[in-house]
Amino acid sequence: MTTFLDPTPSPMPRKSVTASVRLRHEAGLHARPAVKLTKLAKKFSAKILVAMLPDGPWIDAKSIVKVIATKTPRNALLYFRAEGEDAEAAVLALVRLVEQDFADVG
């Protein structure tokens, strides 16, 4: 009996990670925190989305225009969803940023 292997590699399943965090910043997700959030998101190769409701609508967390346009108020829940190789690290870093009230962390 001869066994033939399929020479085409099967696509790797994409790792998907989700988390939510309460936005405690006094002014909500205005310009300064939105810039910090998008700058941090851009450091990761994962596709990162953010929403104000668990079922969306989901927006690109790497787009400053889209993030500011949400006008997310204080005490809202932010939902993060990321897909890709560094998805877990991305979501953990974004949650930490929001939990630390967008403080500059060295």
PDB file of N, CA and C in Angstrom:
ATOM      1  N   MET A   1       0.848  -1.172   0.000  1.00  0.00           N
ATOM      2  CA  MET A   1       0.000   0.000   0.000  1.00  0.00           C
ATOM      3  C   MET A   1       0.897   1.240   0.000  1.00  0.00           C
ATOM      4  N   THR A   2       0.550   2.200  -0.841  1.00  0.00           N
ATOM      5  CA  THR A   2       1.304   3.447  -0.939  1.00  0.00           C
ATOM      6  C   THR A   2       0.461   4.573  -0.384  1.00  0.00           C
ATOM      7  N   THR A   3       1.071   5.409   0.458  1.00  0.00           N
ATOM      8  CA  THR A   3       0.382   6.548   1.031  1.00  0.00           C
ATOM      9  C   THR A   3       0.934   7.810   0.397  1.00  0.00           C
ATOM     10  N   PHE A   4       0.047   8.641  -0.073  1.00  0.00           N
ATOM     11  CA  PHE A   4       0.440   9.913  -0.663  1.00  0.00           C
ATOM     12  C   PHE A   4       0.055  11.039   0.293  1.00  0.00           C
ATOM     13  N   LEU A   5       0.963  11.927   0.519  1.00  0.00           N
ATOM     14  CA  LEU A   5       0.693  13.084   1.363  1.00  0.00           C
ATOM     15  C   LEU A   5       0.322  14.263   0.491  1.00  0.00           C
ATOM     16  N   ASP A   6      -0.633  15.026   0.943  1.00  0.00           N
ATOM     17  CA  ASP A   6      -1.042  16.228   0.223  1.00  0.00           C
ATOM     18  C   ASP A   6       0.072  17.265   0.357  1.00  0.00           C
ATOM     19  N   PRO A   7       0.682  17.682  -0.766  1.00  0.00           N
ATOM     20  CA  PRO A   7       1.799  18.630  -0.676  1.00  0.00           C
ATOM     21  C   PRO A   7       1.375  20.048  -0.302  1.00  0.00           C
ATOM     22  N   THR A   8       0.088  20.343  -0.372  1.00  0.00           N
ATOM     23  CA  THR A   8      -0.349  21.696  -0.017  1.00  0.00           C
ATOM     24  C   THR A   8      -0.578  21.764   1.490  1.00  0.00           C
ATOM     25  N   PRO A   9       0.119  22.651   2.145  1.00  0.00           N
ATOM     26  CA  PRO A   9      -0.048  22.747   3.602  1.00  0.00           C
ATOM     27  C   PRO A   9      -1.440  23.260   3.952  1.00  0.00           C
ATOM     28  N   SER A  10      -1.982  22.694   5.000  1.00  0.00           N
ATOM     29  CA  SER A  10      -3.293  23.182   5.458  1.00  0.00           C
ATOM     30  C   SER A  10      -3.097  24.502   6.176  1.00  0.00           C
ATOM     31  N   PRO A  11      -4.027  25.428   5.994  1.00  0.00           N
ATOM     32  CA  PRO A  11      -3.866  26.729   6.660  1.00  0.00           C
ATOM     33  C   PRO A  11      -3.927  26.574   8.174  1.00  0.00           C
ATOM     34  N   MET A  12      -3.066  27.315   8.820  1.00  0.00           N
ATOM     35  CA  MET A  12      -3.049  27.294  10.290  1.00  0.00           C
ATOM     36  C   MET A  12      -4.305  27.981  10.802  1.00  0.00           C
ATOM     37  N   PRO A  13      -4.959  27.390  11.781  1.00  0.00           N
ATOM     38  CA  PRO A  13      -6.113  28.091  12.349  1.00  0.00           C
ATOM     39  C   PRO A  13      -5.652  29.377  13.012  1.00  0.00           C
ATOM     40  N   ARG A  14      -6.395  30.439  12.802  1.00  0.00           N
ATOM     41  CA  ARG A  14      -6.027  31.729  13.380  1.00  0.00           C
ATOM     42  C   ARG A  14      -6.483  31.783  14.826  1.00  0.00           C
ATOM     43  N   LYS A  15      -5.598  32.192  15.685  1.00  0.00           N
ATOM     44  CA  LYS A  15      -5.909  32.298  17.092  1.00  0.00           C
ATOM     45  C   LYS A  15      -6.756  33.546  17.321  1.00  0.00           C
ATOM     46  N   SER A  16      -7.873  33.380  17.993  1.00  0.00           N
ATOM     47  CA  SER A  16      -8.777  34.494  18.274  1.00  0.00           C
ATOM     48  C   SER A  16      -8.908  34.667  19.781  1.00  0.00           C
ATOM     49  N   VAL A  17      -8.774  35.906  20.237  1.00  0.00           N
ATOM     50  CA  VAL A  17      -8.827  36.214  21.670  1.00  0.00           C
ATOM     51  C   VAL A  17      -9.786  37.378  21.880  1.00  0.00           C
ATOM     52  N   THR A  18     -10.602  37.298  22.924  1.00  0.00           N
ATOM     53  CA  THR A  18     -11.514  38.395  23.250  1.00  0.00           C
ATOM     54  C   THR A  18     -11.388  38.752  24.725  1.00  0.00           C
ATOM     55  N   ALA A  19     -11.730  39.989  25.036  1.00  0.00           N
ATOM     56  CA  ALA A  19     -11.737  40.452  26.425  1.00  0.00           C
ATOM     57  C   ALA A  19     -12.562  41.727  26.495  1.00  0.00           C
ATOM     58  N   SER A  20     -12.985  42.053  27.690  1.00  0.00           N
ATOM     59  CA  SER A  20     -13.685  43.324  27.888  1.00  0.00           C
ATOM     60  C   SER A  20     -13.099  44.018  29.109  1.00  0.00           C
ATOM     61  N   VAL A  21     -13.249  45.344  29.121  1.00  0.00           N
ATOM     62  CA  VAL A  21     -12.702  46.142  30.210  1.00  0.00           C
ATOM     63  C   VAL A  21     -13.546  47.409  30.353  1.00  0.00           C
ATOM     64  N   ARG A  22     -13.716  47.859  31.586  1.00  0.00           N
ATOM     65  CA  ARG A  22     -14.487  49.073  31.856  1.00  0.00           C
ATOM     66  C   ARG A  22     -13.617  50.299  31.613  1.00  0.00           C
ATOM     67  N   LEU A  23     -14.142  51.249  30.858  1.00  0.00           N
ATOM     68  CA  LEU A  23     -13.449  52.498  30.544  1.00  0.00           C
ATOM     69  C   LEU A  23     -13.685  53.481  31.688  1.00  0.00           C
ATOM     70  N   ARG A  24     -12.658  53.744  32.471  1.00  0.00           N
ATOM     71  CA  ARG A  24     -12.788  54.614  33.645  1.00  0.00           C
ATOM     72  C   ARG A  24     -12.273  56.031  33.408  1.00  0.00           C
ATOM     73  N   HIS A  25     -11.698  56.279  32.238  1.00  0.00           N
ATOM     74  CA  HIS A  25     -11.129  57.599  31.978  1.00  0.00           C
ATOM     75  C   HIS A  25     -12.218  58.665  32.109  1.00  0.00           C
ATOM     76  N   GLU A  26     -11.895  59.738  32.798  1.00  0.00           N
ATOM     77  CA  GLU A  26     -12.865  60.785  33.122  1.00  0.00           C
ATOM     78  C   GLU A  26     -13.627  61.313  31.903  1.00  0.00           C
ATOM     79  N   ALA A  27     -12.938  61.484  30.796  1.00  0.00           N
ATOM     80  CA  ALA A  27     -13.586  62.048  29.603  1.00  0.00           C
ATOM     81  C   ALA A  27     -13.992  60.977  28.592  1.00  0.00           C
ATOM     82  N   GLY A  28     -13.892  59.718  28.966  1.00  0.00           N
ATOM     83  CA  GLY A  28     -14.225  58.659  28.025  1.00  0.00           C
ATOM     84  C   GLY A  28     -13.105  58.457  27.021  1.00  0.00           C
ATOM     85  N   LEU A  29     -13.443  57.923  25.878  1.00  0.00           N
ATOM     86  CA  LEU A  29     -12.437  57.625  24.860  1.00  0.00           C
ATOM     87  C   LEU A  29     -12.305  58.798  23.893  1.00  0.00           C
ATOM     88  N   HIS A  30     -11.779  59.902  24.400  1.00  0.00           N
ATOM     89  CA  HIS A  30     -11.579  61.093  23.567  1.00  0.00           C
ATOM     90  C   HIS A  30     -10.205  61.007  22.908  1.00  0.00           C
ATOM     91  N   ALA A  31      -9.714  62.095  22.360  1.00  0.00           N
ATOM     92  CA  ALA A  31      -8.515  62.099  21.513  1.00  0.00           C
ATOM     93  C   ALA A  31      -7.276  61.459  22.151  1.00  0.00           C
ATOM     94  N   ARG A  32      -6.856  61.915  23.325  1.00  0.00           N
ATOM     95  CA  ARG A  32      -5.604  61.416  23.909  1.00  0.00           C
ATOM     96  C   ARG A  32      -5.645  59.912  24.158  1.00  0.00           C
ATOM     97  N   PRO A  33      -6.668  59.391  24.862  1.00  0.00           N
ATOM     98  CA  PRO A  33      -6.686  57.943  25.059  1.00  0.00           C
ATOM     99  C   PRO A  33      -6.875  57.162  23.754  1.00  0.00           C
ATOM    100  N   ALA A  34      -7.617  57.717  22.822  1.00  0.00           N
ATOM    101  CA  ALA A  34      -7.818  57.035  21.541  1.00  0.00           C
ATOM    102  C   ALA A  34      -6.502  56.915  20.776  1.00  0.00           C
ATOM    103  N   VAL A  35      -5.693  57.955  20.816  1.00  0.00           N
ATOM    104  CA  VAL A  35      -4.384  57.919  20.162  1.00  0.00           C
ATOM    105  C   VAL A  35      -3.511  56.853  20.809  1.00  0.00           C
ATOM    106  N   LYS A  36      -3.498  56.803  22.132  1.00  0.00           N
ATOM    107  CA  LYS A  36      -2.691  55.805  22.836  1.00  0.00           C
ATOM    108  C   LYS A  36      -3.162  54.393  22.508  1.00  0.00           C
ATOM    109  N   LEU A  37      -4.462  54.204  22.442  1.00  0.00           N
ATOM    110  CA  LEU A  37      -5.017  52.891  22.131  1.00  0.00           C
ATOM    111  C   LEU A  37      -4.615  52.457  20.717  1.00  0.00           C
ATOM    112  N   THR A  38      -4.781  53.330  19.752  1.00  0.00           N
ATOM    113  CA  THR A  38      -4.460  52.951  18.363  1.00  0.00           C
ATOM    114  C   THR A  38      -2.952  52.770  18.166  1.00  0.00           C
ATOM    115  N   LYS A  39      -2.137  53.598  18.807  1.00  0.00           N
ATOM    116  CA  LYS A  39      -0.687  53.440  18.690  1.00  0.00           C
ATOM    117  C   LYS A  39      -0.248  52.095  19.250  1.00  0.00           C
ATOM    118  N   LEU A  40      -0.833  51.705  20.379  1.00  0.00           N
ATOM    119  CA  LEU A  40      -0.493  50.414  20.964  1.00  0.00           C
ATOM    120  C   LEU A  40      -0.980  49.278  20.064  1.00  0.00           C
ATOM    121  N   ALA A  41      -2.186  49.388  19.543  1.00  0.00           N
ATOM    122  CA  ALA A  41      -2.734  48.345  18.667  1.00  0.00           C
ATOM    123  C   ALA A  41      -1.856  48.143  17.436  1.00  0.00           C
ATOM    124  N   LYS A  42      -1.302  49.226  16.910  1.00  0.00           N
ATOM    125  CA  LYS A  42      -0.471  49.146  15.700  1.00  0.00           C
ATOM    126  C   LYS A  42       0.856  48.437  15.934  1.00  0.00           C
ATOM    127  N   LYS A  43       1.243  48.239  17.182  1.00  0.00           N
ATOM    128  CA  LYS A  43       2.483  47.529  17.489  1.00  0.00           C
ATOM    129  C   LYS A  43       2.356  46.023  17.275  1.00  0.00           C
ATOM    130  N   PHE A  44       1.142  45.545  17.074  1.00  0.00           N
ATOM    131  CA  PHE A  44       0.896  44.114  16.927  1.00  0.00           C
ATOM    132  C   PHE A  44       0.494  43.788  15.497  1.00  0.00           C
ATOM    133  N   SER A  45       0.866  42.605  15.059  1.00  0.00           N
ATOM    134  CA  SER A  45       0.499  42.180  13.704  1.00  0.00           C
ATOM    135  C   SER A  45      -0.933  41.651  13.641  1.00  0.00           C
ATOM    136  N   ALA A  46      -1.495  41.305  14.777  1.00  0.00           N
ATOM    137  CA  ALA A  46      -2.854  40.760  14.821  1.00  0.00           C
ATOM    138  C   ALA A  46      -3.874  41.766  14.302  1.00  0.00           C
ATOM    139  N   LYS A  47      -4.962  41.232  13.779  1.00  0.00           N
ATOM    140  CA  LYS A  47      -6.101  42.073  13.417  1.00  0.00           C
ATOM    141  C   LYS A  47      -6.841  42.343  14.733  1.00  0.00           C
ATOM    142  N   ILE A  48      -6.979  43.612  15.103  1.00  0.00           N
ATOM    143  CA  ILE A  48      -7.567  43.969  16.389  1.00  0.00           C
ATOM    144  C   ILE A  48      -8.810  44.817  16.157  1.00  0.00           C
ATOM    145  N   LEU A  49      -9.889  44.391  16.779  1.00  0.00           N
ATOM    146  CA  LEU A  49     -11.158  45.101  16.673  1.00  0.00           C
ATOM    147  C   LEU A  49     -11.614  45.511  18.058  1.00  0.00           C
ATOM    148  N   VAL A  50     -12.383  46.593  18.111  1.00  0.00           N
ATOM    149  CA  VAL A  50     -12.941  47.072  19.369  1.00  0.00           C
ATOM    150  C   VAL A  50     -14.420  47.374  19.143  1.00  0.00           C
ATOM    151  N   ALA A  51     -15.217  47.160  20.181  1.00  0.00           N
ATOM    152  CA  ALA A  51     -16.657  47.430  20.104  1.00  0.00           C
ATOM    153  C   ALA A  51     -17.138  47.942  21.451  1.00  0.00           C
ATOM    154  N   MET A  52     -18.281  48.584  21.439  1.00  0.00           N
ATOM    155  CA  MET A  52     -18.882  49.073  22.675  1.00  0.00           C
ATOM    156  C   MET A  52     -19.992  48.134  23.161  1.00  0.00           C
ATOM    157  N   LEU A  53     -20.337  47.167  22.325  1.00  0.00           N
ATOM    158  CA  LEU A  53     -21.325  46.151  22.668  1.00  0.00           C
ATOM    159  C   LEU A  53     -20.732  44.781  22.365  1.00  0.00           C
ATOM    160  N   PRO A  54     -21.116  43.754  23.115  1.00  0.00           N
ATOM    161  CA  PRO A  54     -20.507  42.438  22.907  1.00  0.00           C
ATOM    162  C   PRO A  54     -20.698  41.873  21.500  1.00  0.00           C
ATOM    163  N   ASP A  55     -21.750  42.280  20.817  1.00  0.00           N
ATOM    164  CA  ASP A  55     -22.007  41.782  19.469  1.00  0.00           C
ATOM    165  C   ASP A  55     -21.665  42.811  18.390  1.00  0.00           C
ATOM    166  N   GLY A  56     -20.943  43.867  18.774  1.00  0.00           N
ATOM    167  CA  GLY A  56     -20.534  44.877  17.796  1.00  0.00           C
ATOM    168  C   GLY A  56     -21.506  46.030  17.709  1.00  0.00           C
ATOM    169  N   PRO A  57     -21.334  46.874  16.750  1.00  0.00           N
ATOM    170  CA  PRO A  57     -20.456  46.739  15.591  1.00  0.00           C
ATOM    171  C   PRO A  57     -18.983  46.841  15.973  1.00  0.00           C
ATOM    172  N   TRP A  58     -18.162  46.032  15.305  1.00  0.00           N
ATOM    173  CA  TRP A  58     -16.736  45.984  15.552  1.00  0.00           C
ATOM    174  C   TRP A  58     -16.027  46.943  14.605  1.00  0.00           C
ATOM    175  N   ILE A  59     -15.053  47.672  15.146  1.00  0.00           N
ATOM    176  CA  ILE A  59     -14.280  48.610  14.328  1.00  0.00           C
ATOM    177  C   ILE A  59     -12.791  48.309  14.468  1.00  0.00           C
ATOM    178  N   ASP A  60     -12.033  48.753  13.519  1.00  0.00           N
ATOM    179  CA  ASP A  60     -10.584  48.558  13.497  1.00  0.00           C
ATOM    180  C   ASP A  60      -9.936  49.389  14.607  1.00  0.00           C
ATOM    181  N   ALA A  61      -9.312  48.715  15.570  1.00  0.00           N
ATOM    182  CA  ALA A  61      -8.680  49.407  16.693  1.00  0.00           C
ATOM    183  C   ALA A  61      -7.415  50.153  16.277  1.00  0.00           C
ATOM    184  N   LYS A  62      -6.969  49.944  15.041  1.00  0.00           N
ATOM    185  CA  LYS A  62      -5.773  50.626  14.547  1.00  0.00           C
ATOM    186  C   LYS A  62      -6.122  51.901  13.788  1.00  0.00           C
ATOM    187  N   SER A  63      -7.408  52.233  13.705  1.00  0.00           N
ATOM    188  CA  SER A  63      -7.861  53.427  12.997  1.00  0.00           C
ATOM    189  C   SER A  63      -8.265  54.516  13.989  1.00  0.00           C
ATOM    190  N   ILE A  64      -7.458  55.556  14.098  1.00  0.00           N
ATOM    191  CA  ILE A  64      -7.741  56.640  15.040  1.00  0.00           C
ATOM    192  C   ILE A  64      -9.071  57.304  14.730  1.00  0.00           C
ATOM    193  N   VAL A  65      -9.379  57.497  13.466  1.00  0.00           N
ATOM    194  CA  VAL A  65     -10.633  58.155  13.074  1.00  0.00           C
ATOM    195  C   VAL A  65     -11.832  57.339  13.554  1.00  0.00           C
ATOM    196  N   LYS A  66     -11.776  56.032  13.335  1.00  0.00           N
ATOM    197  CA  LYS A  66     -12.893  55.174  13.738  1.00  0.00           C
ATOM    198  C   LYS A  66     -13.021  55.063  15.245  1.00  0.00           C
ATOM    199  N   VAL A  67     -11.899  54.996  15.945  1.00  0.00           N
ATOM    200  CA  VAL A  67     -11.937  54.877  17.414  1.00  0.00           C
ATOM    201  C   VAL A  67     -12.503  56.152  18.034  1.00  0.00           C
ATOM    202  N   ILE A  68     -12.043  57.312  17.604  1.00  0.00           N
ATOM    203  CA  ILE A  68     -12.565  58.576  18.148  1.00  0.00           C
ATOM    204  C   ILE A  68     -14.042  58.735  17.816  1.00  0.00           C
ATOM    205  N   ALA A  69     -14.438  58.295  16.632  1.00  0.00           N
ATOM    206  CA  ALA A  69     -15.825  58.450  16.192  1.00  0.00           C
ATOM    207  C   ALA A  69     -16.822  57.675  17.059  1.00  0.00           C
ATOM    208  N   THR A  70     -16.349  56.711  17.828  1.00  0.00           N
ATOM    209  CA  THR A  70     -17.267  55.953  18.696  1.00  0.00           C
ATOM    210  C   THR A  70     -17.814  56.812  19.830  1.00  0.00           C
ATOM    211  N   LYS A  71     -17.068  57.857  20.207  1.00  0.00           N
ATOM    212  CA  LYS A  71     -17.471  58.747  21.304  1.00  0.00           C
ATOM    213  C   LYS A  71     -17.865  57.946  22.547  1.00  0.00           C
ATOM    214  N   THR A  72     -17.041  56.973  22.886  1.00  0.00           N
ATOM    215  CA  THR A  72     -17.329  56.091  24.007  1.00  0.00           C
ATOM    216  C   THR A  72     -17.248  56.846  25.326  1.00  0.00           C
ATOM    217  N   PRO A  73     -18.324  56.836  26.112  1.00  0.00           N
ATOM    218  CA  PRO A  73     -18.334  57.578  27.373  1.00  0.00           C
ATOM    219  C   PRO A  73     -17.663  56.816  28.509  1.00  0.00           C
ATOM    220  N   ARG A  74     -17.389  57.540  29.560  1.00  0.00           N
ATOM    221  CA  ARG A  74     -16.833  56.956  30.781  1.00  0.00           C
ATOM    222  C   ARG A  74     -17.784  55.872  31.292  1.00  0.00           C
ATOM    223  N   ASN A  75     -17.215  54.849  31.876  1.00  0.00           N
ATOM    224  CA  ASN A  75     -17.910  53.698  32.467  1.00  0.00           C
ATOM    225  C   ASN A  75     -18.525  52.744  31.443  1.00  0.00           C
ATOM    226  N   ALA A  76     -18.284  52.977  30.178  1.00  0.00           N
ATOM    227  CA  ALA A  76     -18.725  52.021  29.160  1.00  0.00           C
ATOM    228  C   ALA A  76     -17.785  50.820  29.178  1.00  0.00           C
ATOM    229  N   LEU A  77     -18.283  49.689  28.720  1.00  0.00           N
ATOM    230  CA  LEU A  77     -17.421  48.522  28.546  1.00  0.00           C
ATOM    231  C   LEU A  77     -16.843  48.555  27.142  1.00  0.00           C
ATOM    232  N   LEU A  78     -15.545  48.323  27.046  1.00  0.00           N
ATOM    233  CA  LEU A  78     -14.888  48.180  25.755  1.00  0.00           C
ATOM    234  C   LEU A  78     -14.654  46.687  25.538  1.00  0.00           C
ATOM    235  N   TYR A  79     -14.980  46.221  24.361  1.00  0.00           N
ATOM    236  CA  TYR A  79     -14.774  44.819  24.007  1.00  0.00           C
ATOM    237  C   TYR A  79     -13.683  44.759  22.958  1.00  0.00           C
ATOM    238  N   PHE A  80     -12.669  43.930  23.212  1.00  0.00           N
ATOM    239  CA  PHE A  80     -11.582  43.754  22.271  1.00  0.00           C
ATOM    240  C   PHE A  80     -11.644  42.347  21.691  1.00  0.00           C
ATOM    241  N   ARG A  81     -11.329  42.255  20.410  1.00  0.00           N
ATOM    242  CA  ARG A  81     -11.235  40.951  19.743  1.00  0.00           C
ATOM    243  C   ARG A  81     -10.031  41.026  18.817  1.00  0.00           C
ATOM    244  N   ALA A  82      -9.164  40.039  18.911  1.00  0.00           N
ATOM    245  CA  ALA A  82      -7.965  40.023  18.069  1.00  0.00           C
ATOM    246  C   ALA A  82      -7.777  38.636  17.472  1.00  0.00           C
ATOM    247  N   GLU A  83      -7.240  38.629  16.265  1.00  0.00           N
ATOM    248  CA  GLU A  83      -6.952  37.395  15.543  1.00  0.00           C
ATOM    249  C   GLU A  83      -5.557  37.469  14.987  1.00  0.00           C
ATOM    250  N   GLY A  84      -4.803  36.409  15.203  1.00  0.00           N
ATOM    251  CA  GLY A  84      -3.455  36.375  14.646  1.00  0.00           C
ATOM    252  C   GLY A  84      -2.465  35.815  15.639  1.00  0.00           C
ATOM    253  N   GLU A  85      -1.229  35.790  15.192  1.00  0.00           N
ATOM    254  CA  GLU A  85      -0.161  35.172  15.964  1.00  0.00           C
ATOM    255  C   GLU A  85       0.022  35.810  17.341  1.00  0.00           C
ATOM    256  N   ASP A  86      -0.042  37.127  17.422  1.00  0.00           N
ATOM    257  CA  ASP A  86       0.177  37.813  18.701  1.00  0.00           C
ATOM    258  C   ASP A  86      -1.130  38.366  19.282  1.00  0.00           C
ATOM    259  N   ALA A  87      -2.238  37.712  18.975  1.00  0.00           N
ATOM    260  CA  ALA A  87      -3.561  38.178  19.422  1.00  0.00           C
ATOM    261  C   ALA A  87      -3.666  38.269  20.939  1.00  0.00           C
ATOM    262  N   GLU A  88      -3.190  37.254  21.628  1.00  0.00           N
ATOM    263  CA  GLU A  88      -3.307  37.247  23.089  1.00  0.00           C
ATOM    264  C   GLU A  88      -2.513  38.392  23.709  1.00  0.00           C
ATOM    265  N   ALA A  89      -1.295  38.585  23.258  1.00  0.00           N
ATOM    266  CA  ALA A  89      -0.467  39.676  23.781  1.00  0.00           C
ATOM    267  C   ALA A  89      -1.099  41.028  23.488  1.00  0.00           C
ATOM    268  N   ALA A  90      -1.697  41.164  22.310  1.00  0.00           N
ATOM    269  CA  ALA A  90      -2.335  42.424  21.926  1.00  0.00           C
ATOM    270  C   ALA A  90      -3.512  42.746  22.848  1.00  0.00           C
ATOM    271  N   VAL A  91      -4.374  41.785  23.043  1.00  0.00           N
ATOM    272  CA  VAL A  91      -5.556  42.018  23.887  1.00  0.00           C
ATOM    273  C   VAL A  91      -5.142  42.292  25.326  1.00  0.00           C
ATOM    274  N   LEU A  92      -4.187  41.537  25.838  1.00  0.00           N
ATOM    275  CA  LEU A  92      -3.719  41.779  27.210  1.00  0.00           C
ATOM    276  C   LEU A  92      -3.142  43.185  27.355  1.00  0.00           C
ATOM    277  N   ALA A  93      -2.364  43.629  26.388  1.00  0.00           N
ATOM    278  CA  ALA A  93      -1.760  44.965  26.446  1.00  0.00           C
ATOM    279  C   ALA A  93      -2.824  46.059  26.377  1.00  0.00           C
ATOM    280  N   LEU A  94      -3.821  45.891  25.532  1.00  0.00           N
ATOM    281  CA  LEU A  94      -4.883  46.900  25.402  1.00  0.00           C
ATOM    282  C   LEU A  94      -5.741  46.957  26.661  1.00  0.00           C
ATOM    283  N   VAL A  95      -6.063  45.817  27.221  1.00  0.00           N
ATOM    284  CA  VAL A  95      -6.837  45.786  28.472  1.00  0.00           C
ATOM    285  C   VAL A  95      -6.044  46.467  29.580  1.00  0.00           C
ATOM    286  N   ARG A  96      -4.753  46.176  29.659  1.00  0.00           N
ATOM    287  CA  ARG A  96      -3.895  46.789  30.682  1.00  0.00           C
ATOM    288  C   ARG A  96      -3.854  48.307  30.510  1.00  0.00           C
ATOM    289  N   LEU A  97      -3.743  48.770  29.277  1.00  0.00           N
ATOM    290  CA  LEU A  97      -3.727  50.214  28.995  1.00  0.00           C
ATOM    291  C   LEU A  97      -4.991  50.878  29.525  1.00  0.00           C
ATOM    292  N   VAL A  98      -6.145  50.298  29.246  1.00  0.00           N
ATOM    293  CA  VAL A  98      -7.422  50.876  29.692  1.00  0.00           C
ATOM    294  C   VAL A  98      -7.534  50.782  31.217  1.00  0.00           C
ATOM    295  N   GLU A  99      -7.139  49.650  31.799  1.00  0.00           N
ATOM    296  CA  GLU A  99      -7.195  49.494  33.257  1.00  0.00           C
ATOM    297  C   GLU A  99      -6.313  50.504  33.966  1.00  0.00           C
ATOM    298  N   GLN A 100      -5.203  50.879  33.349  1.00  0.00           N
ATOM    299  CA  GLN A 100      -4.276  51.846  33.941  1.00  0.00           C
ATOM    300  C   GLN A 100      -4.620  53.272  33.538  1.00  0.00           C
ATOM    301  N   ASP A 101      -5.825  53.464  33.031  1.00  0.00           N
ATOM    302  CA  ASP A 101      -6.342  54.784  32.687  1.00  0.00           C
ATOM    303  C   ASP A 101      -5.437  55.507  31.676  1.00  0.00           C
ATOM    304  N   PHE A 102      -4.880  54.715  30.729  1.00  0.00           N
ATOM    305  CA  PHE A 102      -4.085  55.257  29.636  1.00  0.00           C
ATOM    306  C   PHE A 102      -2.804  55.947  30.120  1.00  0.00           C
ATOM    307  N   ALA A 103      -2.323  55.539  31.290  1.00  0.00           N
ATOM    308  CA  ALA A 103      -1.086  56.121  31.827  1.00  0.00           C
ATOM    309  C   ALA A 103       0.096  55.706  30.962  1.00  0.00           C
ATOM    310  N   ASP A 104       1.090  56.583  30.886  1.00  0.00           N
ATOM    311  CA  ASP A 104       2.310  56.247  30.156  1.00  0.00           C
ATOM    312  C   ASP A 104       3.073  55.234  30.981  1.00  0.00           C
ATOM    313  N   VAL A 105       3.293  54.077  30.383  1.00  0.00           N
ATOM    314  CA  VAL A 105       4.012  53.015  31.069  1.00  0.00           C
ATOM    315  C   VAL A 105       5.326  52.810  30.350  1.00  0.00           C
ATOM    316  N   GLY A 106       6.422  52.847  31.101  1.00  0.00           N
ATOM    317  CA  GLY A 106       7.750  52.720  30.527  1.00  0.00           C
ATOM    318  C   GLY A 106       8.019  51.337  30.159  1.00  0.00           C
TER     319      GLY A 106
END
